[in-house]
C-alpha atoms as a PDB file:
ATOM      1  CA  UNK A   1     -10.211   8.538  11.689  1.00  0.00           C
ATOM      2  CA  UNK A   2      -7.137   5.285  12.842  1.00  0.00           C
ATOM      3  CA  UNK A   3      -5.600   2.773  10.679  1.00  0.00           C
ATOM      4  CA  UNK A   4      -4.004  -0.020  12.423  1.00  0.00           C
ATOM      5  CA  UNK A   5      -1.596  -2.432  10.640  1.00  0.00           C
ATOM      6  CA  UNK A   6       0.366  -5.801  11.617  1.00  0.00           C
ATOM      7  CA  UNK A   7       3.327  -7.028   9.883  1.00  0.00           C
ATOM      8  CA  UNK A   8       3.881 -10.635  10.480  1.00  0.00           C
ATOM      9  CA  UNK A   9       8.036  -9.352  11.103  1.00  0.00           C
ATOM     10  CA  UNK A  10       9.652  -5.890  11.477  1.00  0.00           C
ATOM     11  CA  UNK A  11      11.324  -6.970   8.372  1.00  0.00           C
ATOM     12  CA  UNK A  12       8.518  -6.315   6.569  1.00  0.00           C
ATOM     13  CA  UNK A  13       8.743  -3.186   7.574  1.00  0.00           C
ATOM     14  CA  UNK A  14      10.491  -1.230   4.146  1.00  0.00           C
ATOM     15  CA  UNK A  15       7.636  -2.178   2.178  1.00  0.00           C
ATOM     16  CA  UNK A  16       5.471  -1.190   4.558  1.00  0.00           C
ATOM     17  CA  UNK A  17       6.503   2.279   5.327  1.00  0.00           C
ATOM     18  CA  UNK A  18       4.490   4.150   2.410  1.00  0.00           C
ATOM     19  CA  UNK A  19       1.250   3.488   4.316  1.00  0.00           C
ATOM     20  CA  UNK A  20       2.566   5.846   7.023  1.00  0.00           C
ATOM     21  CA  UNK A  21       3.811   8.049   4.167  1.00  0.00           C
ATOM     22  CA  UNK A  22       0.005   7.964   3.019  1.00  0.00           C
ATOM     23  CA  UNK A  23      -2.097   8.267   6.185  1.00  0.00           C
ATOM     24  CA  UNK A  24      -0.005  11.234   6.973  1.00  0.00           C
ATOM     25  CA  UNK A  25      -0.620  13.092   3.948  1.00  0.00           C
ATOM     26  CA  UNK A  26      -4.294  12.465   5.281  1.00  0.00           C
ATOM     27  CA  UNK A  27      -4.088  13.292   8.895  1.00  0.00           C
ATOM     28  CA  UNK A  28      -4.820   9.740   9.369  1.00  0.00           C
ATOM     29  CA  UNK A  29      -3.265   8.438  12.734  1.00  0.00           C
ATOM     30  CA  UNK A  30      -1.623   4.636  13.144  1.00  0.00           C
ATOM     31  CA  UNK A  31      -0.665   1.983  14.846  1.00  0.00           C
ATOM     32  CA  UNK A  32       1.983  -0.337  14.450  1.00  0.00           C
ATOM     33  CA  UNK A  33       1.464  -4.046  15.741  1.00  0.00           C
ATOM     34  CA  UNK A  34       4.498  -6.737  15.008  1.00  0.00           C
ATOM     35  CA  UNK A  35       2.273  -9.954  15.573  1.00  0.00           C
ATOM     36  CA  UNK A  36       2.737 -13.458  14.003  1.00  0.00           C
ATOM     37  CA  UNK A  37      -0.487 -15.394  13.321  1.00  0.00           C
ATOM     38  CA  UNK A  38       1.563 -18.967  13.608  1.00  0.00           C
ATOM     39  CA  UNK A  39       3.969 -17.477  16.824  1.00  0.00           C
ATOM     40  CA  UNK A  40       2.092 -15.205  18.523  1.00  0.00           C
ATOM     41  CA  UNK A  41      -1.039 -16.279  17.524  1.00  0.00           C
ATOM     42  CA  UNK A  42      -2.385 -14.808  21.509  1.00  0.00           C
ATOM     43  CA  UNK A  43      -1.180 -11.535  20.751  1.00  0.00           C
ATOM     44  CA  UNK A  44      -2.759 -11.457  16.739  1.00  0.00           C
ATOM     45  CA  UNK A  45      -5.770 -12.465  18.941  1.00  0.00           C
ATOM     46  CA  UNK A  46      -5.658  -9.943  21.948  1.00  0.00           C
ATOM     47  CA  UNK A  47      -5.171  -7.279  18.938  1.00  0.00           C
ATOM     48  CA  UNK A  48      -7.762  -7.855  16.626  1.00  0.00           C
ATOM     49  CA  UNK A  49     -10.374  -8.463  19.294  1.00  0.00           C
ATOM     50  CA  UNK A  50      -9.455  -4.945  20.285  1.00  0.00           C
ATOM     51  CA  UNK A  51      -8.923  -3.101  17.552  1.00  0.00           C
ATOM     52  CA  UNK A  52     -12.710  -1.743  17.376  1.00  0.00           C
ATOM     53  CA  UNK A  53     -12.330  -0.569  21.334  1.00  0.00           C
ATOM     54  CA  UNK A  54      -9.138   0.814  20.338  1.00  0.00           C
ATOM     55  CA  UNK A  55     -10.678   4.074  17.587  1.00  0.00           C
ATOM     56  CA  UNK A  56      -9.431   1.174  14.734  1.00  0.00           C
ATOM     57  CA  UNK A  57     -11.749   1.653  11.510  1.00  0.00           C
ATOM     58  CA  UNK A  58      -9.358  -0.175   9.329  1.00  0.00           C
ATOM     59  CA  UNK A  59      -6.943  -2.959   9.736  1.00  0.00           C
ATOM     60  CA  UNK A  60      -4.382  -3.095   7.029  1.00  0.00           C
ATOM     61  CA  UNK A  61      -2.681  -6.615   7.619  1.00  0.00           C
ATOM     62  CA  UNK A  62       0.894  -7.254   5.919  1.00  0.00           C
ATOM     63  CA  UNK A  63       2.901 -10.410   5.217  1.00  0.00           C
ATOM     64  CA  UNK A  64       4.769 -13.136   4.068  1.00  0.00           C
ATOM     65  CA  UNK A  65       5.212 -16.472   3.202  1.00  0.00           C
ATOM     66  CA  UNK A  66       2.249 -18.490   3.254  1.00  0.00           C
ATOM     67  CA  UNK A  67       0.674 -16.554   6.569  1.00  0.00           C
ATOM     68  CA  UNK A  68      -2.731 -16.273   7.699  1.00  0.00           C
ATOM     69  CA  UNK A  69      -2.263 -13.622   9.161  1.00  0.00           C
ATOM     70  CA  UNK A  70      -5.222 -11.588   7.889  1.00  0.00           C
ATOM     71  CA  UNK A  71      -7.662 -14.386   8.268  1.00  0.00           C
ATOM     72  CA  UNK A  72      -6.679 -14.950  11.677  1.00  0.00           C
ATOM     73  CA  UNK A  73      -7.236 -10.676  12.042  1.00  0.00           C
ATOM     74  CA  UNK A  74     -10.297 -10.708   9.627  1.00  0.00           C
ATOM     75  CA  UNK A  75     -11.452 -13.682  11.994  1.00  0.00           C
ATOM     76  CA  UNK A  76     -11.731 -12.398  15.251  1.00  0.00           C
ATOM     77  CA  UNK A  77     -12.900  -8.676  13.956  1.00  0.00           C
ATOM     78  CA  UNK A  78     -15.470  -6.944  11.788  1.00  0.00           C
ATOM     79  CA  UNK A  79     -13.350  -3.856  11.251  1.00  0.00           C
ATOM     80  CA  UNK A  80     -12.483  -4.432   7.854  1.00  0.00           C
ATOM     81  CA  UNK A  81      -9.438  -6.156   7.105  1.00  0.00           C
ATOM     82  CA  UNK A  82      -6.890  -4.985   4.020  1.00  0.00           C
ATOM     83  CA  UNK A  83      -4.444  -7.693   2.848  1.00  0.00           C
ATOM     84  CA  UNK A  84      -0.754  -7.349   2.275  1.00  0.00           C
ATOM     85  CA  UNK A  85       1.306 -10.156   0.706  1.00  0.00           C
ATOM     86  CA  UNK A  86       4.648  -9.441   1.598  1.00  0.00           C
ATOM     87  CA  UNK A  87       7.261 -10.801  -1.347  1.00  0.00           C
ATOM     88  CA  UNK A  88       9.599 -12.604   1.133  1.00  0.00           C
ATOM     89  CA  UNK A  89      10.304 -16.326  -0.376  1.00  0.00           C
ATOM     90  CA  UNK A  90      11.175 -17.592  -3.113  1.00  0.00           C
ATOM     91  CA  UNK A  91       7.721 -17.738  -4.281  1.00  0.00           C
ATOM     92  CA  UNK A  92       8.151 -14.122  -4.956  1.00  0.00           C
ATOM     93  CA  UNK A  93       5.331 -13.292  -3.062  1.00  0.00           C
ATOM     94  CA  UNK A  94       2.843 -15.969  -4.933  1.00  0.00           C
ATOM     95  CA  UNK A  95       2.277 -18.000  -1.840  1.00  0.00           C
ATOM     96  CA  UNK A  96       0.764 -14.455   0.703  1.00  0.00           C
ATOM     97  CA  UNK A  97      -1.132 -13.539  -1.875  1.00  0.00           C
ATOM     98  CA  UNK A  98      -3.011 -17.258  -2.591  1.00  0.00           C
ATOM     99  CA  UNK A  99      -3.245 -17.154   1.516  1.00  0.00           C
ATOM    100  CA  UNK A 100      -5.155 -14.149   1.665  1.00  0.00           C
ATOM    101  CA  UNK A 101      -6.894 -14.309  -1.621  1.00  0.00           C
ATOM    102  CA  UNK A 102      -8.678 -18.018  -0.927  1.00  0.00           C
ATOM    103  CA  UNK A 103     -10.214 -16.746   2.429  1.00  0.00           C
ATOM    104  CA  UNK A 104     -13.414 -18.746   3.186  1.00  0.00           C
ATOM    105  CA  UNK A 105     -16.775 -16.932   2.175  1.00  0.00           C
ATOM    106  CA  UNK A 106     -17.746 -14.904   5.234  1.00  0.00           C
ATOM    107  CA  UNK A 107     -14.871 -14.096   6.724  1.00  0.00           C
ATOM    108  CA  UNK A 108     -13.246 -11.707   3.868  1.00  0.00           C
ATOM    109  CA  UNK A 109     -10.785  -9.780   3.624  1.00  0.00           C
ATOM    110  CA  UNK A 110      -9.207  -6.695   0.548  1.00  0.00           C
ATOM    111  CA  UNK A 111      -5.947  -7.643  -0.939  1.00  0.00           C
ATOM    112  CA  UNK A 112      -3.901  -5.651  -2.618  1.00  0.00           C
ATOM    113  CA  UNK A 113      -0.823  -6.509  -4.815  1.00  0.00           C
ATOM    114  CA  UNK A 114       1.746  -8.169  -4.056  1.00  0.00           C
ATOM    115  CA  UNK A 115       4.321  -5.458  -1.876  1.00  0.00           C
ATOM    116  CA  UNK A 116       0.899  -2.834  -2.526  1.00  0.00           C
ATOM    117  CA  UNK A 117       1.261  -1.281   0.378  1.00  0.00           C
ATOM    118  CA  UNK A 118       0.741   2.110  -0.805  1.00  0.00           C
ATOM    119  CA  UNK A 119      -2.931   0.853  -2.443  1.00  0.00           C
ATOM    120  CA  UNK A 120      -3.846  -0.483   0.745  1.00  0.00           C
ATOM    121  CA  UNK A 121      -2.979   2.984   2.486  1.00  0.00           C
ATOM    122  CA  UNK A 122      -5.625   4.444  -0.215  1.00  0.00           C
ATOM    123  CA  UNK A 123      -7.912   2.210  -0.093  1.00  0.00           C
ATOM    124  CA  UNK A 124      -7.621   2.925   4.070  1.00  0.00           C
ATOM    125  CA  UNK A 125      -8.683   6.299   3.344  1.00  0.00           C
ATOM    126  CA  UNK A 126     -11.215   6.201   1.040  1.00  0.00           C
ATOM    127  CA  UNK A 127     -12.935   3.785   3.331  1.00  0.00           C
ATOM    128  CA  UNK A 128     -12.444   6.210   5.853  1.00  0.00           C
ATOM    129  CA  UNK A 129     -14.057   8.688   3.604  1.00  0.00           C
ATOM    130  CA  UNK A 130     -17.568   6.919   4.254  1.00  0.00           C
ATOM    131  CA  UNK A 131     -17.492   7.848   7.928  1.00  0.00           C
ATOM    132  CA  UNK A 132     -15.401  10.877   7.468  1.00  0.00           C
ATOM    133  CA  UNK A 133     -16.420  13.084   5.077  1.00  0.00           C
ATOM    134  CA  UNK A 134     -13.795  15.653   5.144  1.00  0.00           C
ATOM    135  CA  UNK A 135     -11.281  12.779   3.736  1.00  0.00           C
ATOM    136  CA  UNK A 136     -13.467  13.306   0.328  1.00  0.00           C
ATOM    137  CA  UNK A 137     -12.281  16.504  -0.712  1.00  0.00           C
ATOM    138  CA  UNK A 138      -8.385  15.413   0.035  1.00  0.00           C
ATOM    139  CA  UNK A 139      -8.722  12.259  -1.995  1.00  0.00           C
ATOM    140  CA  UNK A 140      -9.815  14.260  -4.808  1.00  0.00           C
ATOM    141  CA  UNK A 141      -6.742  16.577  -4.529  1.00  0.00           C
ATOM    142  CA  UNK A 142      -4.808  13.466  -4.024  1.00  0.00           C
ATOM    143  CA  UNK A 143      -5.582  12.333  -7.198  1.00  0.00           C
ATOM    144  CA  UNK A 144      -5.296  15.792  -9.131  1.00  0.00           C
ATOM    145  CA  UNK A 145      -1.791  15.737  -7.809  1.00  0.00           C
ATOM    146  CA  UNK A 146      -1.066  12.325  -9.703  1.00  0.00           C
ATOM    147  CA  UNK A 147      -2.714  13.286 -12.375  1.00  0.00           C
ATOM    148  CA  UNK A 148      -0.299  16.518 -12.670  1.00  0.00           C
ATOM    149  CA  UNK A 149       2.584  14.727 -12.267  1.00  0.00           C
ATOM    150  CA  UNK A 150       2.145  11.950 -15.065  1.00  0.00           C
ATOM    151  CA  UNK A 151       0.814  15.240 -17.497  1.00  0.00           C
ATOM    152  CA  UNK A 152       4.370  16.180 -16.223  1.00  0.00           C
ATOM    153  CA  UNK A 153       6.293  13.499 -16.741  1.00  0.00           C
ATOM    154  CA  UNK A 154       4.625  13.717 -20.441  1.00  0.00           C
ATOM    155  CA  UNK A 155       6.036  16.791 -21.138  1.00  0.00           C
ATOM    156  CA  UNK A 156       8.870  16.233 -19.918  1.00  0.00           C
ATOM    157  CA  UNK A 157       9.811  13.931 -22.060  1.00  0.00           C
ATOM    158  CA  UNK A 158       7.824  15.192 -25.490  1.00  0.00           C
ATOM    159  CA  UNK A 159      10.387  17.858 -24.874  1.00  0.00           C
ATOM    160  CA  UNK A 160      13.530  15.242 -24.492  1.00  0.00           C
ATOM    161  CA  UNK A 161      11.914  13.217 -27.279  1.00  0.00           C
ATOM    162  CA  UNK A 162      11.562  16.755 -29.477  1.00  0.00           C
ATOM    163  CA  UNK A 163      15.595  17.877 -28.607  1.00  0.00           C
ATOM    164  CA  UNK A 164      16.596  14.441 -29.484  1.00  0.00           C
ATOM    165  CA  UNK A 165      15.095  14.423 -32.809  1.00  0.00           C
ATOM    166  CA  UNK A 166      16.182  17.591 -33.449  1.00  0.00           C
ATOM    167  CA  UNK A 167      20.198  17.298 -32.254  1.00  0.00           C
ATOM    168  CA  UNK A 168      19.223  13.803 -34.918  1.00  0.00           C
ATOM    169  CA  UNK A 169      18.778  15.746 -37.859  1.00  0.00           C
ATOM    170  CA  UNK A 170      21.606  17.965 -36.888  1.00  0.00           C
ATOM    171  CA  UNK A 171      23.375  14.819 -37.257  1.00  0.00           C
ATOM    172  CA  UNK A 172      25.106  15.017 -32.936  1.00  0.00           C
ATOM    173  CA  UNK A 173      24.648  12.308 -30.829  1.00  0.00           C
ATOM    174  CA  UNK A 174      21.458  11.616 -29.036  1.00  0.00           C
ATOM    175  CA  UNK A 175      23.266   9.828 -26.120  1.00  0.00           C
ATOM    176  CA  UNK A 176      24.000  12.565 -23.649  1.00  0.00           C
ATOM    177  CA  UNK A 177      20.158  13.895 -23.909  1.00  0.00           C
ATOM    178  CA  UNK A 178      18.759  10.609 -22.894  1.00  0.00           C
ATOM    179  CA  UNK A 179      21.650   9.887 -20.157  1.00  0.00           C
ATOM    180  CA  UNK A 180      20.498  13.425 -18.300  1.00  0.00           C
ATOM    181  CA  UNK A 181      16.429  12.463 -18.770  1.00  0.00           C
ATOM    182  CA  UNK A 182      16.891   9.234 -17.498  1.00  0.00           C
ATOM    183  CA  UNK A 183      19.218  10.819 -14.179  1.00  0.00           C
ATOM    184  CA  UNK A 184      16.420  13.296 -13.451  1.00  0.00           C
END
């Protein structure tokens, strides 16, 4: 099981680190490449054309500005490509988003939200689960963990609200209780 991630610049890495973390949780190998569709097109072409031979099952392509990295990669491979638009310009990532989602018919790129690297990693695992059924149970456990975390946060909020209401009823200030809750 292998995912390859290509990014237009190493400055994109801080917004993409979550891909590595998520894929590690699922036991999926990650290959990372920095190459630009505009500045190093020959490297991008080589990366894309050789992906399947390197055992890559899914590609995540991330780029900012009006970069065409995802489409460029998709044009040279039949490996599924997931695009992650990066917020890197005064347009707040909208330029990148549009360059990903406006692919011409026949060369698809699945597109996540601007800076949506974590969802790209999860979607890559879902794609891999078609070929690697052992990931199905791991995905179910991952979702169950998220559900438990959300419930715990809701329970914590309700406890704070109840305590705040009791403090308010007794005439004490609730600002400290709220500040302590927000800090946690």
